[in-house]
Amino acid sequence: MTETSIPHAEQSLDEEETATLAVDGDDTETDDDSAVDEDTDTAAGGRVKKAVSESDLFRQSEIAADYVEGLLDILDYDGDIDELVAAGRPMVEVVGERLQNLVGQRGATLEALQELTRLAVFRQTGTPSRLLLDVGGYRANRRKELAAVAKNAVEKVKEYGEPVRLEAMSAFERKCVHDVVNAMSGVASESEGVEPNRRIVVRPAD
């Protein structure tokens, strides 16, 4: 079995990034054929069980934007905040300079801020939120990097016929890889392990 490492994002967050992330529907993760992430489908310990209207989703993004704006004021960071709804989920994007500290190593700080923001939405609405928070275009850039990693793993699986184990990833990163692998023929992906060492295995399809 081959071990493949993921290149770390080496981007400058001094550039304004306004690209909207293309998020594909539900991102709950199981180890069955759906192979998507359960980690990002919950907030405050709950699972989203019913459809939420477009207006409710936009309301969630507004609440989240207000919360993030308050955090930026407290931390004395400057940034433009956009709230929107895309692919059936609320989103907040923070654009500005010198925002690297809000992203952290491998996006760890960003993930923590996202969970705090989801909890803020939950406290006001009583509904678990699948809000996606991005800072400085980190997620959009990371998605591109992970697509390359996934394609490289697929090529190795097809060439050697052996499973390829990827480096441990966050739920967001696993979702990106699953999406790419599942769109290709002859291969499949599944997750193994437990957080924070949960990773993807790309293998020949049955």
N, C-alpha and C. Protein backbone atom coordinates (compact mmCIF):
# COMPACT_ATOMS: atom_id res chain seq x y z
N MET A 1 0.85 -1.19 0.00
CA MET A 1 0.00 0.00 0.00
C MET A 1 0.88 1.24 0.00
N THR A 2 0.59 2.19 -0.82
CA THR A 2 1.41 3.38 -0.97
C THR A 2 0.95 4.49 -0.05
N GLU A 3 1.90 5.20 0.53
CA GLU A 3 1.60 6.35 1.40
C GLU A 3 1.87 7.62 0.62
N THR A 4 0.88 8.48 0.51
CA THR A 4 1.03 9.74 -0.23
C THR A 4 0.79 10.91 0.69
N SER A 5 1.72 11.87 0.70
CA SER A 5 1.57 13.06 1.53
C SER A 5 0.89 14.15 0.75
N ILE A 6 0.23 15.03 1.48
CA ILE A 6 -0.48 16.15 0.88
C ILE A 6 0.37 17.39 0.99
N PRO A 7 0.59 18.10 -0.11
CA PRO A 7 1.37 19.34 -0.02
C PRO A 7 0.62 20.38 0.79
N HIS A 8 1.32 21.10 1.64
CA HIS A 8 0.68 22.15 2.42
C HIS A 8 0.43 23.35 1.55
N ALA A 9 -0.63 24.07 1.87
CA ALA A 9 -0.95 25.27 1.11
C ALA A 9 0.12 26.32 1.38
N GLU A 10 0.70 26.87 0.31
CA GLU A 10 1.68 27.93 0.46
C GLU A 10 1.20 29.11 -0.36
N GLN A 11 0.18 29.76 0.15
CA GLN A 11 -0.44 30.84 -0.57
C GLN A 11 -0.25 32.15 0.17
N SER A 12 -0.36 33.24 -0.52
CA SER A 12 -0.32 34.55 0.10
C SER A 12 -1.73 35.01 0.34
N LEU A 13 -2.04 35.26 1.61
CA LEU A 13 -3.38 35.72 1.94
C LEU A 13 -3.45 37.23 1.87
N ASP A 14 -2.43 37.87 1.27
CA ASP A 14 -2.48 39.31 1.06
C ASP A 14 -3.28 39.66 -0.17
N GLU A 15 -3.64 38.65 -0.97
CA GLU A 15 -4.43 38.90 -2.16
C GLU A 15 -5.90 38.68 -1.85
N GLU A 16 -6.72 39.51 -2.43
CA GLU A 16 -8.15 39.38 -2.20
C GLU A 16 -8.70 38.26 -3.07
N GLU A 17 -9.34 37.30 -2.44
CA GLU A 17 -9.88 36.15 -3.16
C GLU A 17 -11.39 36.17 -3.02
N THR A 18 -12.07 36.25 -4.14
CA THR A 18 -13.53 36.33 -4.08
C THR A 18 -14.21 35.15 -4.72
N ALA A 19 -13.45 34.11 -5.03
CA ALA A 19 -14.05 32.94 -5.68
C ALA A 19 -15.00 32.24 -4.73
N THR A 20 -16.14 31.87 -5.22
CA THR A 20 -17.12 31.13 -4.42
C THR A 20 -16.81 29.66 -4.50
N LEU A 21 -16.82 28.98 -3.35
CA LEU A 21 -16.53 27.56 -3.33
C LEU A 21 -17.70 26.79 -3.89
N ALA A 22 -17.40 25.77 -4.68
CA ALA A 22 -18.45 24.91 -5.23
C ALA A 22 -18.59 23.71 -4.30
N VAL A 23 -19.55 23.77 -3.40
CA VAL A 23 -19.75 22.70 -2.44
C VAL A 23 -20.88 21.82 -2.90
N ASP A 24 -20.63 20.52 -2.91
CA ASP A 24 -21.61 19.60 -3.46
C ASP A 24 -22.50 19.01 -2.38
N GLY A 25 -23.63 19.62 -2.20
CA GLY A 25 -24.68 19.05 -1.37
C GLY A 25 -24.23 18.65 0.01
N ASP A 26 -24.67 17.47 0.44
CA ASP A 26 -24.40 16.95 1.77
C ASP A 26 -22.95 16.54 1.88
N ASP A 27 -22.32 16.79 3.01
CA ASP A 27 -20.95 16.36 3.19
C ASP A 27 -20.82 15.53 4.45
N THR A 28 -21.75 14.64 4.67
CA THR A 28 -21.61 13.71 5.77
C THR A 28 -20.75 12.55 5.32
N GLU A 29 -19.91 12.06 6.21
CA GLU A 29 -19.00 11.00 5.81
C GLU A 29 -19.37 9.68 6.43
N THR A 30 -19.44 8.68 5.59
CA THR A 30 -19.57 7.31 6.04
C THR A 30 -18.52 6.52 5.30
N ASP A 31 -18.33 5.28 5.67
CA ASP A 31 -17.35 4.45 4.97
C ASP A 31 -18.05 3.52 4.00
N ASP A 32 -19.25 3.86 3.58
CA ASP A 32 -19.92 3.07 2.57
C ASP A 32 -19.72 3.72 1.21
N ASP A 33 -20.55 3.36 0.24
CA ASP A 33 -20.35 3.83 -1.13
C ASP A 33 -20.51 5.33 -1.27
N SER A 34 -21.22 5.97 -0.35
CA SER A 34 -21.42 7.42 -0.47
C SER A 34 -20.13 8.17 -0.22
N ALA A 35 -19.30 7.65 0.69
CA ALA A 35 -17.97 8.20 0.97
C ALA A 35 -17.93 9.70 1.05
N VAL A 36 -18.74 10.25 1.93
CA VAL A 36 -18.69 11.68 2.17
C VAL A 36 -18.62 11.92 3.66
N ASP A 37 -18.39 13.16 4.11
CA ASP A 37 -18.00 13.45 5.47
C ASP A 37 -19.13 13.75 6.44
N GLU A 38 -19.22 12.99 7.52
CA GLU A 38 -20.24 13.24 8.52
C GLU A 38 -19.84 14.38 9.43
N ASP A 39 -18.55 14.67 9.52
CA ASP A 39 -18.05 15.65 10.47
C ASP A 39 -18.63 17.02 10.22
N THR A 40 -18.84 17.38 8.97
CA THR A 40 -19.27 18.73 8.66
C THR A 40 -20.78 18.84 8.53
N ASP A 41 -21.47 17.81 8.93
CA ASP A 41 -22.93 17.86 8.83
C ASP A 41 -23.56 18.14 10.18
N THR A 42 -22.75 18.34 11.21
CA THR A 42 -23.29 18.53 12.54
C THR A 42 -22.83 19.84 13.14
N ALA A 43 -23.67 20.36 14.03
CA ALA A 43 -23.31 21.54 14.81
C ALA A 43 -24.02 21.40 16.14
N ALA A 44 -23.31 21.74 17.22
CA ALA A 44 -23.87 21.60 18.56
C ALA A 44 -24.36 20.18 18.79
N GLY A 45 -23.66 19.22 18.17
CA GLY A 45 -23.98 17.82 18.41
C GLY A 45 -25.19 17.31 17.69
N GLY A 46 -25.76 18.10 16.78
CA GLY A 46 -26.97 17.67 16.10
C GLY A 46 -26.74 17.38 14.65
N ARG A 47 -27.65 16.69 14.01
CA ARG A 47 -27.56 16.40 12.59
C ARG A 47 -28.72 17.07 11.88
N VAL A 48 -28.43 17.63 10.72
CA VAL A 48 -29.48 18.29 9.95
C VAL A 48 -30.43 17.23 9.42
N LYS A 49 -31.69 17.31 9.78
CA LYS A 49 -32.65 16.28 9.43
C LYS A 49 -33.72 16.75 8.47
N LYS A 50 -33.87 18.05 8.29
CA LYS A 50 -34.95 18.51 7.43
C LYS A 50 -34.45 19.62 6.51
N ALA A 51 -35.13 19.77 5.40
CA ALA A 51 -34.75 20.80 4.44
C ALA A 51 -34.98 22.18 5.05
N VAL A 52 -34.09 23.09 4.73
CA VAL A 52 -34.19 24.46 5.23
C VAL A 52 -34.42 25.36 4.02
N SER A 53 -35.35 26.31 4.16
CA SER A 53 -35.68 27.19 3.03
C SER A 53 -34.51 28.11 2.70
N GLU A 54 -34.53 28.65 1.49
CA GLU A 54 -33.48 29.57 1.04
C GLU A 54 -33.40 30.79 1.95
N SER A 55 -34.54 31.30 2.36
CA SER A 55 -34.54 32.48 3.23
C SER A 55 -33.95 32.16 4.59
N ASP A 56 -34.22 30.96 5.10
CA ASP A 56 -33.65 30.54 6.38
C ASP A 56 -32.13 30.38 6.27
N LEU A 57 -31.69 29.85 5.15
CA LEU A 57 -30.26 29.68 4.94
C LEU A 57 -29.56 31.04 4.88
N PHE A 58 -30.20 32.00 4.19
CA PHE A 58 -29.59 33.31 4.11
C PHE A 58 -29.59 33.99 5.48
N ARG A 59 -30.64 33.73 6.26
CA ARG A 59 -30.67 34.27 7.62
C ARG A 59 -29.51 33.70 8.44
N GLN A 60 -29.21 32.43 8.25
CA GLN A 60 -28.07 31.82 8.94
C GLN A 60 -26.77 32.50 8.54
N SER A 61 -26.63 32.78 7.25
CA SER A 61 -25.40 33.44 6.80
C SER A 61 -25.29 34.85 7.37
N GLU A 62 -26.42 35.54 7.51
CA GLU A 62 -26.41 36.89 8.10
C GLU A 62 -25.99 36.84 9.56
N ILE A 63 -26.56 35.90 10.30
CA ILE A 63 -26.19 35.75 11.72
C ILE A 63 -24.71 35.44 11.83
N ALA A 64 -24.24 34.54 10.98
CA ALA A 64 -22.83 34.16 11.00
C ALA A 64 -21.94 35.34 10.66
N ALA A 65 -22.34 36.14 9.67
CA ALA A 65 -21.54 37.30 9.27
C ALA A 65 -21.44 38.30 10.42
N ASP A 66 -22.54 38.51 11.12
CA ASP A 66 -22.52 39.43 12.27
C ASP A 66 -21.58 38.92 13.35
N TYR A 67 -21.62 37.61 13.58
CA TYR A 67 -20.76 37.01 14.61
C TYR A 67 -19.29 37.15 14.21
N VAL A 68 -18.98 36.85 12.96
CA VAL A 68 -17.60 36.95 12.49
C VAL A 68 -17.12 38.40 12.53
N GLU A 69 -18.00 39.33 12.17
CA GLU A 69 -17.62 40.74 12.24
C GLU A 69 -17.25 41.14 13.67
N GLY A 70 -18.02 40.63 14.63
CA GLY A 70 -17.71 40.91 16.03
C GLY A 70 -16.36 40.34 16.44
N LEU A 71 -16.06 39.14 15.97
CA LEU A 71 -14.76 38.54 16.27
C LEU A 71 -13.62 39.36 15.68
N LEU A 72 -13.80 39.81 14.45
CA LEU A 72 -12.75 40.61 13.82
C LEU A 72 -12.52 41.91 14.58
N ASP A 73 -13.59 42.51 15.06
CA ASP A 73 -13.45 43.75 15.84
C ASP A 73 -12.67 43.50 17.13
N ILE A 74 -13.00 42.39 17.80
CA ILE A 74 -12.32 42.05 19.05
C ILE A 74 -10.84 41.78 18.80
N LEU A 75 -10.55 41.09 17.70
CA LEU A 75 -9.16 40.73 17.39
C LEU A 75 -8.41 41.82 16.66
N ASP A 76 -9.12 42.91 16.32
CA ASP A 76 -8.53 44.04 15.61
C ASP A 76 -8.00 43.63 14.24
N TYR A 77 -8.80 42.87 13.50
CA TYR A 77 -8.48 42.51 12.12
C TYR A 77 -9.44 43.24 11.19
N ASP A 78 -8.92 43.63 10.03
CA ASP A 78 -9.76 44.26 9.02
C ASP A 78 -10.07 43.26 7.92
N GLY A 79 -11.32 43.23 7.51
CA GLY A 79 -11.69 42.33 6.42
C GLY A 79 -13.09 42.62 5.94
N ASP A 80 -13.31 42.42 4.66
CA ASP A 80 -14.65 42.55 4.09
C ASP A 80 -15.37 41.22 4.24
N ILE A 81 -16.61 41.26 4.65
CA ILE A 81 -17.37 40.04 4.92
C ILE A 81 -18.54 39.93 3.95
N ASP A 82 -18.62 38.83 3.27
CA ASP A 82 -19.72 38.55 2.34
C ASP A 82 -20.52 37.37 2.86
N GLU A 83 -21.83 37.52 2.91
CA GLU A 83 -22.69 36.39 3.27
C GLU A 83 -23.51 35.99 2.05
N LEU A 84 -23.65 34.69 1.84
CA LEU A 84 -24.37 34.19 0.67
C LEU A 84 -24.84 32.77 0.94
N VAL A 85 -25.62 32.27 -0.01
CA VAL A 85 -26.07 30.88 0.02
C VAL A 85 -25.62 30.24 -1.28
N ALA A 86 -24.92 29.12 -1.19
CA ALA A 86 -24.43 28.43 -2.38
C ALA A 86 -24.55 26.93 -2.18
N ALA A 87 -25.03 26.24 -3.22
CA ALA A 87 -25.16 24.78 -3.18
C ALA A 87 -25.99 24.32 -1.98
N GLY A 88 -26.99 25.13 -1.63
CA GLY A 88 -27.89 24.72 -0.56
C GLY A 88 -27.34 24.84 0.84
N ARG A 89 -26.34 25.70 1.02
CA ARG A 89 -25.82 25.90 2.38
C ARG A 89 -25.40 27.35 2.55
N PRO A 90 -25.49 27.86 3.79
CA PRO A 90 -25.05 29.24 4.05
C PRO A 90 -23.54 29.33 4.03
N MET A 91 -23.03 30.48 3.58
CA MET A 91 -21.59 30.68 3.51
C MET A 91 -21.24 32.09 3.95
N VAL A 92 -20.07 32.22 4.55
CA VAL A 92 -19.51 33.53 4.88
C VAL A 92 -18.06 33.53 4.42
N GLU A 93 -17.70 34.56 3.67
CA GLU A 93 -16.34 34.70 3.17
C GLU A 93 -15.73 35.99 3.72
N VAL A 94 -14.54 35.88 4.27
CA VAL A 94 -13.82 37.04 4.78
C VAL A 94 -12.65 37.30 3.84
N VAL A 95 -12.59 38.50 3.30
CA VAL A 95 -11.56 38.88 2.34
C VAL A 95 -10.79 40.06 2.89
N GLY A 96 -9.48 39.98 2.81
CA GLY A 96 -8.67 41.09 3.30
C GLY A 96 -7.21 40.71 3.38
N GLU A 97 -6.41 41.58 3.95
CA GLU A 97 -4.98 41.35 4.08
C GLU A 97 -4.64 40.90 5.49
N ARG A 98 -3.50 40.22 5.59
CA ARG A 98 -2.95 39.79 6.89
C ARG A 98 -3.96 38.99 7.70
N LEU A 99 -4.56 37.99 7.05
CA LEU A 99 -5.55 37.15 7.72
C LEU A 99 -5.03 35.74 8.01
N GLN A 100 -3.74 35.51 7.79
CA GLN A 100 -3.18 34.17 7.93
C GLN A 100 -3.42 33.58 9.32
N ASN A 101 -3.37 34.42 10.35
CA ASN A 101 -3.57 33.92 11.72
C ASN A 101 -4.97 33.38 11.94
N LEU A 102 -5.92 33.82 11.10
CA LEU A 102 -7.28 33.31 11.22
C LEU A 102 -7.46 31.98 10.49
N VAL A 103 -6.46 31.60 9.71
CA VAL A 103 -6.48 30.32 9.00
C VAL A 103 -5.73 29.27 9.80
N GLY A 104 -4.53 29.61 10.23
CA GLY A 104 -3.73 28.69 11.02
C GLY A 104 -3.10 27.60 10.19
N GLN A 105 -2.32 26.75 10.85
CA GLN A 105 -1.64 25.67 10.16
C GLN A 105 -2.64 24.66 9.62
N ARG A 106 -2.56 24.40 8.32
CA ARG A 106 -3.45 23.46 7.65
C ARG A 106 -4.92 23.79 7.89
N GLY A 107 -5.22 25.08 8.14
CA GLY A 107 -6.60 25.50 8.30
C GLY A 107 -7.22 25.16 9.64
N ALA A 108 -6.39 24.81 10.63
CA ALA A 108 -6.92 24.38 11.93
C ALA A 108 -7.68 25.50 12.64
N THR A 109 -7.13 26.71 12.60
CA THR A 109 -7.81 27.83 13.24
C THR A 109 -9.12 28.15 12.53
N LEU A 110 -9.09 28.08 11.21
CA LEU A 110 -10.31 28.33 10.43
C LEU A 110 -11.40 27.33 10.79
N GLU A 111 -11.05 26.07 10.94
CA GLU A 111 -12.04 25.05 11.31
C GLU A 111 -12.65 25.36 12.68
N ALA A 112 -11.81 25.80 13.62
CA ALA A 112 -12.31 26.13 14.95
C ALA A 112 -13.24 27.34 14.90
N LEU A 113 -12.87 28.35 14.11
CA LEU A 113 -13.73 29.53 13.96
C LEU A 113 -15.05 29.15 13.31
N GLN A 114 -15.00 28.24 12.36
CA GLN A 114 -16.24 27.80 11.71
C GLN A 114 -17.18 27.14 12.70
N GLU A 115 -16.63 26.29 13.58
CA GLU A 115 -17.48 25.62 14.57
C GLU A 115 -18.08 26.62 15.55
N LEU A 116 -17.29 27.60 15.97
CA LEU A 116 -17.81 28.65 16.86
C LEU A 116 -18.93 29.42 16.18
N THR A 117 -18.75 29.71 14.90
CA THR A 117 -19.76 30.45 14.16
C THR A 117 -21.03 29.63 13.99
N ARG A 118 -20.88 28.34 13.73
CA ARG A 118 -22.05 27.46 13.63
C ARG A 118 -22.82 27.42 14.95
N LEU A 119 -22.08 27.39 16.04
CA LEU A 119 -22.74 27.39 17.35
C LEU A 119 -23.49 28.70 17.61
N ALA A 120 -22.91 29.81 17.15
CA ALA A 120 -23.59 31.10 17.28
C ALA A 120 -24.90 31.10 16.50
N VAL A 121 -24.89 30.50 15.31
CA VAL A 121 -26.11 30.39 14.51
C VAL A 121 -27.12 29.50 15.21
N PHE A 122 -26.64 28.39 15.75
CA PHE A 122 -27.53 27.45 16.45
C PHE A 122 -28.20 28.11 17.66
N ARG A 123 -27.46 28.92 18.38
CA ARG A 123 -28.02 29.58 19.57
C ARG A 123 -29.15 30.53 19.20
N GLN A 124 -29.07 31.15 18.04
CA GLN A 124 -30.11 32.10 17.65
C GLN A 124 -31.28 31.45 16.92
N THR A 125 -31.01 30.37 16.21
CA THR A 125 -32.06 29.76 15.39
C THR A 125 -32.60 28.45 15.96
N GLY A 126 -31.81 27.79 16.79
CA GLY A 126 -32.22 26.48 17.30
C GLY A 126 -32.08 25.39 16.26
N THR A 127 -31.45 25.71 15.13
CA THR A 127 -31.28 24.75 14.03
C THR A 127 -29.81 24.51 13.77
N PRO A 128 -29.36 23.25 13.76
CA PRO A 128 -27.97 22.97 13.40
C PRO A 128 -27.66 23.52 12.02
N SER A 129 -26.49 24.10 11.86
CA SER A 129 -26.14 24.76 10.60
C SER A 129 -24.98 24.06 9.91
N ARG A 130 -25.04 24.03 8.58
CA ARG A 130 -23.95 23.52 7.77
C ARG A 130 -23.15 24.68 7.17
N LEU A 131 -23.12 25.77 7.89
CA LEU A 131 -22.41 26.96 7.43
C LEU A 131 -20.97 26.64 7.05
N LEU A 132 -20.54 27.23 5.95
CA LEU A 132 -19.14 27.12 5.53
C LEU A 132 -18.49 28.48 5.65
N LEU A 133 -17.40 28.56 6.39
CA LEU A 133 -16.66 29.81 6.58
C LEU A 133 -15.33 29.71 5.82
N ASP A 134 -15.03 30.75 5.05
CA ASP A 134 -13.75 30.80 4.36
C ASP A 134 -13.07 32.12 4.69
N VAL A 135 -11.76 32.09 4.81
CA VAL A 135 -10.97 33.29 5.11
C VAL A 135 -9.85 33.40 4.08
N GLY A 136 -9.78 34.54 3.42
CA GLY A 136 -8.71 34.79 2.48
C GLY A 136 -8.65 33.82 1.31
N GLY A 137 -9.76 33.20 0.98
CA GLY A 137 -9.77 32.26 -0.13
C GLY A 137 -9.07 30.95 0.15
N TYR A 138 -8.81 30.65 1.43
CA TYR A 138 -8.06 29.44 1.78
C TYR A 138 -8.72 28.18 1.25
N ARG A 139 -10.02 28.05 1.47
CA ARG A 139 -10.69 26.80 1.09
C ARG A 139 -10.69 26.62 -0.43
N ALA A 140 -10.90 27.68 -1.17
CA ALA A 140 -10.89 27.58 -2.63
C ALA A 140 -9.53 27.12 -3.13
N ASN A 141 -8.46 27.67 -2.58
CA ASN A 141 -7.11 27.28 -2.99
C ASN A 141 -6.78 25.86 -2.54
N ARG A 142 -7.20 25.52 -1.34
CA ARG A 142 -6.92 24.18 -0.82
C ARG A 142 -7.67 23.13 -1.63
N ARG A 143 -8.86 23.46 -2.06
CA ARG A 143 -9.64 22.53 -2.88
C ARG A 143 -8.88 22.19 -4.17
N LYS A 144 -8.26 23.18 -4.78
CA LYS A 144 -7.50 22.95 -6.01
C LYS A 144 -6.31 22.03 -5.74
N GLU A 145 -5.60 22.27 -4.63
CA GLU A 145 -4.46 21.43 -4.28
C GLU A 145 -4.89 19.98 -4.05
N LEU A 146 -6.00 19.80 -3.34
CA LEU A 146 -6.46 18.46 -3.02
C LEU A 146 -6.97 17.72 -4.25
N ALA A 147 -7.49 18.45 -5.22
CA ALA A 147 -7.91 17.82 -6.47
C ALA A 147 -6.70 17.20 -7.16
N ALA A 148 -5.56 17.91 -7.13
CA ALA A 148 -4.34 17.38 -7.73
C ALA A 148 -3.84 16.15 -6.96
N VAL A 149 -3.94 16.20 -5.64
CA VAL A 149 -3.54 15.06 -4.81
C VAL A 149 -4.39 13.84 -5.13
N ALA A 150 -5.70 14.05 -5.23
CA ALA A 150 -6.62 12.95 -5.51
C ALA A 150 -6.34 12.34 -6.88
N LYS A 151 -6.12 13.18 -7.88
CA LYS A 151 -5.85 12.67 -9.24
C LYS A 151 -4.54 11.88 -9.27
N ASN A 152 -3.54 12.35 -8.54
CA ASN A 152 -2.27 11.63 -8.48
C ASN A 152 -2.45 10.25 -7.84
N ALA A 153 -3.26 10.19 -6.77
CA ALA A 153 -3.52 8.91 -6.12
C ALA A 153 -4.26 7.97 -7.05
N VAL A 154 -5.22 8.49 -7.79
CA VAL A 154 -5.97 7.67 -8.74
C VAL A 154 -5.05 7.09 -9.80
N GLU A 155 -4.13 7.91 -10.30
CA GLU A 155 -3.18 7.44 -11.31
C GLU A 155 -2.33 6.28 -10.77
N LYS A 156 -1.90 6.40 -9.52
CA LYS A 156 -1.08 5.34 -8.92
C LYS A 156 -1.90 4.06 -8.74
N VAL A 157 -3.14 4.20 -8.31
CA VAL A 157 -3.99 3.03 -8.13
C VAL A 157 -4.20 2.31 -9.46
N LYS A 158 -4.46 3.09 -10.50
CA LYS A 158 -4.70 2.48 -11.81
C LYS A 158 -3.43 1.86 -12.38
N GLU A 159 -2.28 2.45 -12.09
CA GLU A 159 -1.02 1.94 -12.63
C GLU A 159 -0.56 0.67 -11.93
N TYR A 160 -0.67 0.66 -10.58
CA TYR A 160 -0.14 -0.45 -9.81
C TYR A 160 -1.20 -1.41 -9.28
N GLY A 161 -2.46 -0.99 -9.30
CA GLY A 161 -3.52 -1.86 -8.82
C GLY A 161 -3.54 -2.05 -7.32
N GLU A 162 -2.85 -1.19 -6.58
CA GLU A 162 -2.78 -1.28 -5.12
C GLU A 162 -3.42 -0.04 -4.48
N PRO A 163 -4.01 -0.22 -3.29
CA PRO A 163 -4.60 0.93 -2.60
C PRO A 163 -3.54 1.97 -2.24
N VAL A 164 -3.95 3.21 -2.20
CA VAL A 164 -3.07 4.32 -1.81
C VAL A 164 -3.68 5.00 -0.59
N ARG A 165 -2.90 5.10 0.48
CA ARG A 165 -3.36 5.77 1.71
C ARG A 165 -2.84 7.20 1.69
N LEU A 166 -3.75 8.14 1.88
CA LEU A 166 -3.37 9.55 1.92
C LEU A 166 -3.07 9.98 3.34
N GLU A 167 -2.45 11.11 3.44
CA GLU A 167 -2.13 11.68 4.75
C GLU A 167 -3.42 12.03 5.50
N ALA A 168 -3.36 12.05 6.82
CA ALA A 168 -4.52 12.43 7.62
C ALA A 168 -5.01 13.81 7.21
N MET A 169 -6.36 13.96 7.16
CA MET A 169 -6.95 15.21 6.68
C MET A 169 -8.13 15.61 7.55
N SER A 170 -8.50 16.86 7.42
CA SER A 170 -9.71 17.36 8.08
C SER A 170 -10.93 16.89 7.29
N ALA A 171 -12.10 17.07 7.87
CA ALA A 171 -13.34 16.67 7.19
C ALA A 171 -13.49 17.40 5.86
N PHE A 172 -13.22 18.70 5.85
CA PHE A 172 -13.31 19.47 4.62
C PHE A 172 -12.38 18.90 3.55
N GLU A 173 -11.14 18.57 3.94
CA GLU A 173 -10.17 18.05 2.98
C GLU A 173 -10.59 16.68 2.46
N ARG A 174 -11.10 15.84 3.34
CA ARG A 174 -11.56 14.52 2.90
C ARG A 174 -12.70 14.64 1.92
N LYS A 175 -13.61 15.57 2.18
CA LYS A 175 -14.74 15.78 1.27
C LYS A 175 -14.24 16.16 -0.13
N CYS A 176 -13.24 17.04 -0.19
CA CYS A 176 -12.69 17.46 -1.48
C CYS A 176 -12.13 16.27 -2.24
N VAL A 177 -11.39 15.40 -1.55
CA VAL A 177 -10.78 14.24 -2.20
C VAL A 177 -11.84 13.24 -2.64
N HIS A 178 -12.81 12.96 -1.75
CA HIS A 178 -13.89 12.03 -2.10
C HIS A 178 -14.60 12.48 -3.38
N ASP A 179 -14.88 13.76 -3.49
CA ASP A 179 -15.60 14.28 -4.65
C ASP A 179 -14.86 14.00 -5.95
N VAL A 180 -13.54 14.20 -5.92
CA VAL A 180 -12.74 13.99 -7.13
C VAL A 180 -12.66 12.50 -7.47
N VAL A 181 -12.37 11.67 -6.47
CA VAL A 181 -12.22 10.23 -6.72
C VAL A 181 -13.53 9.62 -7.19
N ASN A 182 -14.63 10.00 -6.57
CA ASN A 182 -15.92 9.41 -6.92
C ASN A 182 -16.40 9.80 -8.31
N ALA A 183 -15.79 10.84 -8.88
CA ALA A 183 -16.15 11.26 -10.24
C ALA A 183 -15.37 10.49 -11.30
N MET A 184 -14.44 9.62 -10.87
CA MET A 184 -13.61 8.86 -11.80
C MET A 184 -14.01 7.39 -11.80
N SER A 185 -13.85 6.77 -12.94
CA SER A 185 -14.21 5.36 -13.07
C SER A 185 -13.05 4.46 -12.66
N GLY A 186 -13.38 3.27 -12.16
CA GLY A 186 -12.38 2.27 -11.84
C GLY A 186 -11.74 2.40 -10.49
N VAL A 187 -12.11 3.42 -9.73
CA VAL A 187 -11.54 3.62 -8.40
C VAL A 187 -12.64 4.00 -7.41
N ALA A 188 -12.33 3.83 -6.13
CA ALA A 188 -13.26 4.20 -5.06
C ALA A 188 -12.44 4.73 -3.89
N SER A 189 -13.09 5.45 -3.01
CA SER A 189 -12.41 5.99 -1.83
C SER A 189 -13.22 5.70 -0.59
N GLU A 190 -12.51 5.54 0.52
CA GLU A 190 -13.16 5.34 1.80
C GLU A 190 -12.28 5.93 2.88
N SER A 191 -12.87 6.25 4.01
CA SER A 191 -12.12 6.82 5.12
C SER A 191 -11.83 5.75 6.17
N GLU A 192 -10.70 5.92 6.85
CA GLU A 192 -10.33 5.00 7.91
C GLU A 192 -9.71 5.78 9.06
N GLY A 193 -9.75 5.20 10.25
CA GLY A 193 -9.15 5.84 11.41
C GLY A 193 -10.10 6.79 12.11
N VAL A 194 -9.60 7.41 13.15
CA VAL A 194 -10.41 8.35 13.94
C VAL A 194 -9.68 9.68 14.01
N GLU A 195 -10.45 10.73 14.27
CA GLU A 195 -9.86 12.05 14.36
C GLU A 195 -8.84 12.10 15.51
N PRO A 196 -7.75 12.82 15.36
CA PRO A 196 -7.42 13.70 14.23
C PRO A 196 -6.60 12.99 13.15
N ASN A 197 -6.57 11.67 13.20
CA ASN A 197 -5.75 10.91 12.24
C ASN A 197 -6.58 10.17 11.20
N ARG A 198 -7.78 10.66 10.95
CA ARG A 198 -8.65 10.03 9.96
C ARG A 198 -8.13 10.37 8.56
N ARG A 199 -8.08 9.37 7.69
CA ARG A 199 -7.50 9.56 6.36
C ARG A 199 -8.30 8.80 5.31
N ILE A 200 -7.96 9.05 4.08
CA ILE A 200 -8.65 8.41 2.94
C ILE A 200 -7.76 7.34 2.34
N VAL A 201 -8.39 6.24 1.94
CA VAL A 201 -7.73 5.21 1.16
C VAL A 201 -8.40 5.19 -0.21
N VAL A 202 -7.60 5.33 -1.25
CA VAL A 202 -8.07 5.23 -2.62
C VAL A 202 -7.71 3.83 -3.12
N ARG A 203 -8.68 3.09 -3.64
CA ARG A 203 -8.45 1.70 -4.02
C ARG A 203 -9.15 1.40 -5.35
N PRO A 204 -8.78 0.28 -5.97
CA PRO A 204 -9.50 -0.12 -7.18
C PRO A 204 -10.96 -0.39 -6.85
N ALA A 205 -11.86 -0.02 -7.72
CA ALA A 205 -13.29 -0.27 -7.50
C ALA A 205 -13.55 -1.76 -7.56
N ASP A 206 -14.53 -2.21 -6.79
CA ASP A 206 -14.91 -3.62 -6.78
C ASP A 206 -15.56 -4.00 -8.09
